[in-house]
Amino acid sequence: MKFTPCQDLCSKDSAICSGCGRTQAEIAATKQIVKTTVDFIQQQGYDNPEDFVAAISKSILKKVHLS
């Protein structure tokens, strides 16, 4: 399956978003990941959140490609 990012054409009246083609469950889970990450960054008080996001992105991609 290929990930399709939000297209700002969201539809919440069906199980599948007509804008991105993702399920509402997938969208909700993705929002939770983002919220958890933002909360962590704010709790740590990072002045450089872009560096943190880049670092975890690199780490996640490395682990995904090892699978």
PDB file of N, CA and C in Angstrom:
ATOM      1  N   MET A   1       0.847  -1.179   0.000  1.00  0.00           N
ATOM      2  CA  MET A   1       0.000   0.000   0.000  1.00  0.00           C
ATOM      3  C   MET A   1       0.887   1.234   0.000  1.00  0.00           C
ATOM      4  N   LYS A   2       0.507   2.221  -0.749  1.00  0.00           N
ATOM      5  CA  LYS A   2       1.252   3.470  -0.820  1.00  0.00           C
ATOM      6  C   LYS A   2       0.539   4.534   0.006  1.00  0.00           C
ATOM      7  N   PHE A   3       1.308   5.271   0.811  1.00  0.00           N
ATOM      8  CA  PHE A   3       0.760   6.354   1.631  1.00  0.00           C
ATOM      9  C   PHE A   3       0.439   7.552   0.743  1.00  0.00           C
ATOM     10  N   THR A   4      -0.722   8.138   0.967  1.00  0.00           N
ATOM     11  CA  THR A   4      -1.115   9.369   0.284  1.00  0.00           C
ATOM     12  C   THR A   4      -1.378  10.430   1.347  1.00  0.00           C
ATOM     13  N   PRO A   5      -0.633  11.540   1.313  1.00  0.00           N
ATOM     14  CA  PRO A   5      -0.849  12.576   2.326  1.00  0.00           C
ATOM     15  C   PRO A   5      -2.180  13.304   2.121  1.00  0.00           C
ATOM     16  N   CYS A   6      -2.579  14.021   3.137  1.00  0.00           N
ATOM     17  CA  CYS A   6      -3.807  14.805   3.085  1.00  0.00           C
ATOM     18  C   CYS A   6      -3.771  15.773   1.901  1.00  0.00           C
ATOM     19  N   GLN A   7      -4.921  15.889   1.231  1.00  0.00           N
ATOM     20  CA  GLN A   7      -5.053  16.788   0.088  1.00  0.00           C
ATOM     21  C   GLN A   7      -5.947  17.985   0.420  1.00  0.00           C
ATOM     22  N   ASP A   8      -6.315  18.122   1.688  1.00  0.00           N
ATOM     23  CA  ASP A   8      -7.256  19.157   2.149  1.00  0.00           C
ATOM     24  C   ASP A   8      -8.602  19.059   1.440  1.00  0.00           C
ATOM     25  N   LEU A   9      -9.005  17.841   1.109  1.00  0.00           N
ATOM     26  CA  LEU A   9     -10.314  17.570   0.509  1.00  0.00           C
ATOM     27  C   LEU A   9     -11.031  16.518   1.354  1.00  0.00           C
ATOM     28  N   CYS A  10     -10.897  16.659   2.656  1.00  0.00           N
ATOM     29  CA  CYS A  10     -11.359  15.643   3.596  1.00  0.00           C
ATOM     30  C   CYS A  10     -12.861  15.405   3.525  1.00  0.00           C
ATOM     31  N   SER A  11     -13.201  14.138   3.660  1.00  0.00           N
ATOM     32  CA  SER A  11     -14.602  13.750   3.814  1.00  0.00           C
ATOM     33  C   SER A  11     -14.679  12.834   5.024  1.00  0.00           C
ATOM     34  N   LYS A  12     -15.548  13.181   5.944  1.00  0.00           N
ATOM     35  CA  LYS A  12     -15.673  12.399   7.178  1.00  0.00           C
ATOM     36  C   LYS A  12     -16.979  11.608   7.207  1.00  0.00           C
ATOM     37  N   ASP A  13     -17.737  11.658   6.117  1.00  0.00           N
ATOM     38  CA  ASP A  13     -19.036  10.997   6.084  1.00  0.00           C
ATOM     39  C   ASP A  13     -18.979   9.562   5.589  1.00  0.00           C
ATOM     40  N   SER A  14     -17.781   9.055   5.288  1.00  0.00           N
ATOM     41  CA  SER A  14     -17.644   7.663   4.867  1.00  0.00           C
ATOM     42  C   SER A  14     -16.392   7.068   5.508  1.00  0.00           C
ATOM     43  N   ALA A  15     -16.239   5.761   5.395  1.00  0.00           N
ATOM     44  CA  ALA A  15     -15.110   5.075   6.013  1.00  0.00           C
ATOM     45  C   ALA A  15     -13.792   5.424   5.331  1.00  0.00           C
ATOM     46  N   ILE A  16     -13.860   5.826   4.070  1.00  0.00           N
ATOM     47  CA  ILE A  16     -12.671   6.182   3.286  1.00  0.00           C
ATOM     48  C   ILE A  16     -12.750   7.662   2.916  1.00  0.00           C
ATOM     49  N   CYS A  17     -11.683   8.396   3.158  1.00  0.00           N
ATOM     50  CA  CYS A  17     -11.639   9.823   2.811  1.00  0.00           C
ATOM     51  C   CYS A  17     -11.534   9.965   1.290  1.00  0.00           C
ATOM     52  N   SER A  18     -12.378  10.791   0.722  1.00  0.00           N
ATOM     53  CA  SER A  18     -12.346  10.991  -0.736  1.00  0.00           C
ATOM     54  C   SER A  18     -11.151  11.837  -1.156  1.00  0.00           C
ATOM     55  N   GLY A  19     -10.542  12.550  -0.221  1.00  0.00           N
ATOM     56  CA  GLY A  19      -9.388  13.382  -0.553  1.00  0.00           C
ATOM     57  C   GLY A  19      -8.099  12.594  -0.683  1.00  0.00           C
ATOM     58  N   CYS A  20      -7.810  11.746   0.312  1.00  0.00           N
ATOM     59  CA  CYS A  20      -6.536  11.018   0.316  1.00  0.00           C
ATOM     60  C   CYS A  20      -6.689   9.511   0.121  1.00  0.00           C
ATOM     61  N   GLY A  21      -7.901   8.995   0.260  1.00  0.00           N
ATOM     62  CA  GLY A  21      -8.140   7.575   0.073  1.00  0.00           C
ATOM     63  C   GLY A  21      -7.791   6.721   1.278  1.00  0.00           C
ATOM     64  N   ARG A  22      -7.439   7.362   2.394  1.00  0.00           N
ATOM     65  CA  ARG A  22      -7.107   6.608   3.607  1.00  0.00           C
ATOM     66  C   ARG A  22      -8.373   6.366   4.424  1.00  0.00           C
ATOM     67  N   THR A  23      -8.324   5.329   5.245  1.00  0.00           N
ATOM     68  CA  THR A  23      -9.470   5.059   6.117  1.00  0.00           C
ATOM     69  C   THR A  23      -9.493   6.081   7.251  1.00  0.00           C
ATOM     70  N   GLN A  24     -10.675   6.270   7.807  1.00  0.00           N
ATOM     71  CA  GLN A  24     -10.796   7.185   8.940  1.00  0.00           C
ATOM     72  C   GLN A  24      -9.974   6.678  10.125  1.00  0.00           C
ATOM     73  N   ALA A  25      -9.868   5.351  10.276  1.00  0.00           N
ATOM     74  CA  ALA A  25      -9.063   4.778  11.361  1.00  0.00           C
ATOM     75  C   ALA A  25      -7.586   5.114  11.159  1.00  0.00           C
ATOM     76  N   GLU A  26      -7.103   5.018   9.920  1.00  0.00           N
ATOM     77  CA  GLU A  26      -5.698   5.348   9.640  1.00  0.00           C
ATOM     78  C   GLU A  26      -5.438   6.829   9.901  1.00  0.00           C
ATOM     79  N   ILE A  27      -6.361   7.674   9.484  1.00  0.00           N
ATOM     80  CA  ILE A  27      -6.219   9.119   9.696  1.00  0.00           C
ATOM     81  C   ILE A  27      -6.177   9.420  11.197  1.00  0.00           C
ATOM     82  N   ALA A  28      -7.070   8.801  11.955  1.00  0.00           N
ATOM     83  CA  ALA A  28      -7.103   9.020  13.413  1.00  0.00           C
ATOM     84  C   ALA A  28      -5.810   8.549  14.069  1.00  0.00           C
ATOM     85  N   ALA A  29      -5.297   7.397  13.644  1.00  0.00           N
ATOM     86  CA  ALA A  29      -4.053   6.875  14.217  1.00  0.00           C
ATOM     87  C   ALA A  29      -2.878   7.791  13.885  1.00  0.00           C
ATOM     88  N   THR A  30      -2.849   8.312  12.674  1.00  0.00           N
ATOM     89  CA  THR A  30      -1.785   9.231  12.266  1.00  0.00           C
ATOM     90  C   THR A  30      -1.843  10.518  13.084  1.00  0.00           C
ATOM     91  N   LYS A  31      -3.045  11.022  13.293  1.00  0.00           N
ATOM     92  CA  LYS A  31      -3.207  12.228  14.116  1.00  0.00           C
ATOM     93  C   LYS A  31      -2.702  11.988  15.532  1.00  0.00           C
ATOM     94  N   GLN A  32      -2.933  10.786  16.064  1.00  0.00           N
ATOM     95  CA  GLN A  32      -2.477  10.462  17.415  1.00  0.00           C
ATOM     96  C   GLN A  32      -0.953  10.427  17.475  1.00  0.00           C
ATOM     97  N   ILE A  33      -0.309   9.869  16.438  1.00  0.00           N
ATOM     98  CA  ILE A  33       1.154   9.853  16.381  1.00  0.00           C
ATOM     99  C   ILE A  33       1.691  11.282  16.391  1.00  0.00           C
ATOM    100  N   VAL A  34       1.084  12.141  15.582  1.00  0.00           N
ATOM    101  CA  VAL A  34       1.528  13.541  15.519  1.00  0.00           C
ATOM    102  C   VAL A  34       1.313  14.228  16.858  1.00  0.00           C
ATOM    103  N   LYS A  35       0.140  14.036  17.462  1.00  0.00           N
ATOM    104  CA  LYS A  35      -0.147  14.670  18.758  1.00  0.00           C
ATOM    105  C   LYS A  35       0.847  14.218  19.821  1.00  0.00           C
ATOM    106  N   THR A  36       1.124  12.923  19.872  1.00  0.00           N
ATOM    107  CA  THR A  36       2.065  12.382  20.858  1.00  0.00           C
ATOM    108  C   THR A  36       3.456  12.975  20.647  1.00  0.00           C
ATOM    109  N   THR A  37       3.870  13.097  19.394  1.00  0.00           N
ATOM    110  CA  THR A  37       5.190  13.652  19.087  1.00  0.00           C
ATOM    111  C   THR A  37       5.260  15.130  19.460  1.00  0.00           C
ATOM    112  N   VAL A  38       4.231  15.885  19.119  1.00  0.00           N
ATOM    113  CA  VAL A  38       4.200  17.317  19.458  1.00  0.00           C
ATOM    114  C   VAL A  38       4.216  17.491  20.980  1.00  0.00           C
ATOM    115  N   ASP A  39       3.413  16.699  21.681  1.00  0.00           N
ATOM    116  CA  ASP A  39       3.392  16.779  23.144  1.00  0.00           C
ATOM    117  C   ASP A  39       4.784  16.504  23.722  1.00  0.00           C
ATOM    118  N   PHE A  40       5.474  15.489  23.193  1.00  0.00           N
ATOM    119  CA  PHE A  40       6.817  15.152  23.667  1.00  0.00           C
ATOM    120  C   PHE A  40       7.786  16.310  23.430  1.00  0.00           C
ATOM    121  N   ILE A  41       7.752  16.873  22.234  1.00  0.00           N
ATOM    122  CA  ILE A  41       8.638  18.006  21.901  1.00  0.00           C
ATOM    123  C   ILE A  41       8.384  19.172  22.854  1.00  0.00           C
ATOM    124  N   GLN A  42       7.112  19.454  23.109  1.00  0.00           N
ATOM    125  CA  GLN A  42       6.778  20.566  24.005  1.00  0.00           C
ATOM    126  C   GLN A  42       7.193  20.264  25.445  1.00  0.00           C
ATOM    127  N   GLN A  43       7.014  19.034  25.900  1.00  0.00           N
ATOM    128  CA  GLN A  43       7.422  18.665  27.258  1.00  0.00           C
ATOM    129  C   GLN A  43       8.933  18.800  27.435  1.00  0.00           C
ATOM    130  N   GLN A  44       9.684  18.450  26.393  1.00  0.00           N
ATOM    131  CA  GLN A  44      11.140  18.545  26.468  1.00  0.00           C
ATOM    132  C   GLN A  44      11.619  19.989  26.324  1.00  0.00           C
ATOM    133  N   GLY A  45      10.785  20.846  25.748  1.00  0.00           N
ATOM    134  CA  GLY A  45      11.156  22.238  25.561  1.00  0.00           C
ATOM    135  C   GLY A  45      12.222  22.438  24.491  1.00  0.00           C
ATOM    136  N   TYR A  46      12.223  21.558  23.488  1.00  0.00           N
ATOM    137  CA  TYR A  46      13.224  21.670  22.426  1.00  0.00           C
ATOM    138  C   TYR A  46      13.112  23.000  21.684  1.00  0.00           C
ATOM    139  N   ASP A  47      14.252  23.655  21.491  1.00  0.00           N
ATOM    140  CA  ASP A  47      14.300  24.885  20.694  1.00  0.00           C
ATOM    141  C   ASP A  47      14.457  24.571  19.210  1.00  0.00           C
ATOM    142  N   ASN A  48      14.778  23.328  18.899  1.00  0.00           N
ATOM    143  CA  ASN A  48      15.020  22.921  17.515  1.00  0.00           C
ATOM    144  C   ASN A  48      14.189  21.685  17.152  1.00  0.00           C
ATOM    145  N   PRO A  49      12.872  21.824  17.152  1.00  0.00           N
ATOM    146  CA  PRO A  49      12.030  20.656  16.888  1.00  0.00           C
ATOM    147  C   PRO A  49      12.283  20.033  15.515  1.00  0.00           C
ATOM    148  N   GLU A  50      12.698  20.831  14.545  1.00  0.00           N
ATOM    149  CA  GLU A  50      12.967  20.286  13.214  1.00  0.00           C
ATOM    150  C   GLU A  50      14.111  19.273  13.252  1.00  0.00           C
ATOM    151  N   ASP A  51      15.090  19.486  14.124  1.00  0.00           N
ATOM    152  CA  ASP A  51      16.189  18.525  14.252  1.00  0.00           C
ATOM    153  C   ASP A  51      15.706  17.229  14.902  1.00  0.00           C
ATOM    154  N   PHE A  52      14.836  17.337  15.888  1.00  0.00           N
ATOM    155  CA  PHE A  52      14.280  16.147  16.524  1.00  0.00           C
ATOM    156  C   PHE A  52      13.456  15.343  15.522  1.00  0.00           C
ATOM    157  N   VAL A  53      12.591  16.023  14.784  1.00  0.00           N
ATOM    158  CA  VAL A  53      11.752  15.343  13.794  1.00  0.00           C
ATOM    159  C   VAL A  53      12.614  14.673  12.724  1.00  0.00           C
ATOM    160  N   ALA A  54      13.655  15.355  12.262  1.00  0.00           N
ATOM    161  CA  ALA A  54      14.559  14.768  11.265  1.00  0.00           C
ATOM    162  C   ALA A  54      15.249  13.529  11.824  1.00  0.00           C
ATOM    163  N   ALA A  55      15.660  13.589  13.087  1.00  0.00           N
ATOM    164  CA  ALA A  55      16.360  12.457  13.708  1.00  0.00           C
ATOM    165  C   ALA A  55      15.443  11.252  13.868  1.00  0.00           C
ATOM    166  N   ILE A  56      14.211  11.463  14.331  1.00  0.00           N
ATOM    167  CA  ILE A  56      13.328  10.312  14.488  1.00  0.00           C
ATOM    168  C   ILE A  56      12.865   9.792  13.126  1.00  0.00           C
ATOM    169  N   SER A  57      12.737  10.685  12.160  1.00  0.00           N
ATOM    170  CA  SER A  57      12.397  10.243  10.804  1.00  0.00           C
ATOM    171  C   SER A  57      13.476   9.321  10.255  1.00  0.00           C
ATOM    172  N   LYS A  58      14.716   9.713  10.421  1.00  0.00           N
ATOM    173  CA  LYS A  58      15.842   8.901   9.961  1.00  0.00           C
ATOM    174  C   LYS A  58      15.856   7.551  10.671  1.00  0.00           C
ATOM    175  N   SER A  59      15.622   7.570  11.968  1.00  0.00           N
ATOM    176  CA  SER A  59      15.615   6.347  12.755  1.00  0.00           C
ATOM    177  C   SER A  59      14.473   5.416  12.333  1.00  0.00           C
ATOM    178  N   ILE A  60      13.303   5.976  12.145  1.00  0.00           N
ATOM    179  CA  ILE A  60      12.145   5.178  11.730  1.00  0.00           C
ATOM    180  C   ILE A  60      12.396   4.550  10.367  1.00  0.00           C
ATOM    181  N   LEU A  61      12.873   5.340   9.416  1.00  0.00           N
ATOM    182  CA  LEU A  61      13.127   4.814   8.069  1.00  0.00           C
ATOM    183  C   LEU A  61      14.182   3.715   8.093  1.00  0.00           C
ATOM    184  N   LYS A  62      15.202   3.871   8.921  1.00  0.00           N
ATOM    185  CA  LYS A  62      16.241   2.849   9.031  1.00  0.00           C
ATOM    186  C   LYS A  62      15.639   1.548   9.546  1.00  0.00           C
ATOM    187  N   LYS A  63      14.775   1.646  10.569  1.00  0.00           N
ATOM    188  CA  LYS A  63      14.159   0.454  11.134  1.00  0.00           C
ATOM    189  C   LYS A  63      13.164  -0.189  10.155  1.00  0.00           C
ATOM    190  N   VAL A  64      12.432   0.607   9.404  1.00  0.00           N
ATOM    191  CA  VAL A  64      11.482   0.079   8.422  1.00  0.00           C
ATOM    192  C   VAL A  64      12.216  -0.665   7.312  1.00  0.00           C
ATOM    193  N   HIS A  65      13.333  -0.108   6.873  1.00  0.00           N
ATOM    194  CA  HIS A  65      14.085  -0.733   5.783  1.00  0.00           C
ATOM    195  C   HIS A  65      14.837  -1.985   6.236  1.00  0.00           C
ATOM    196  N   LEU A  66      15.041  -2.157   7.527  1.00  0.00           N
ATOM    197  CA  LEU A  66      15.683  -3.357   8.044  1.00  0.00           C
ATOM    198  C   LEU A  66      14.689  -4.508   8.164  1.00  0.00           C
ATOM    199  N   SER A  67      13.405  -4.187   8.149  1.00  0.00           N
ATOM    200  CA  SER A  67      12.376  -5.231   8.309  1.00  0.00           C
ATOM    201  C   SER A  67      12.266  -6.110   7.094  1.00  0.00           C
TER     202      SER A  67
END
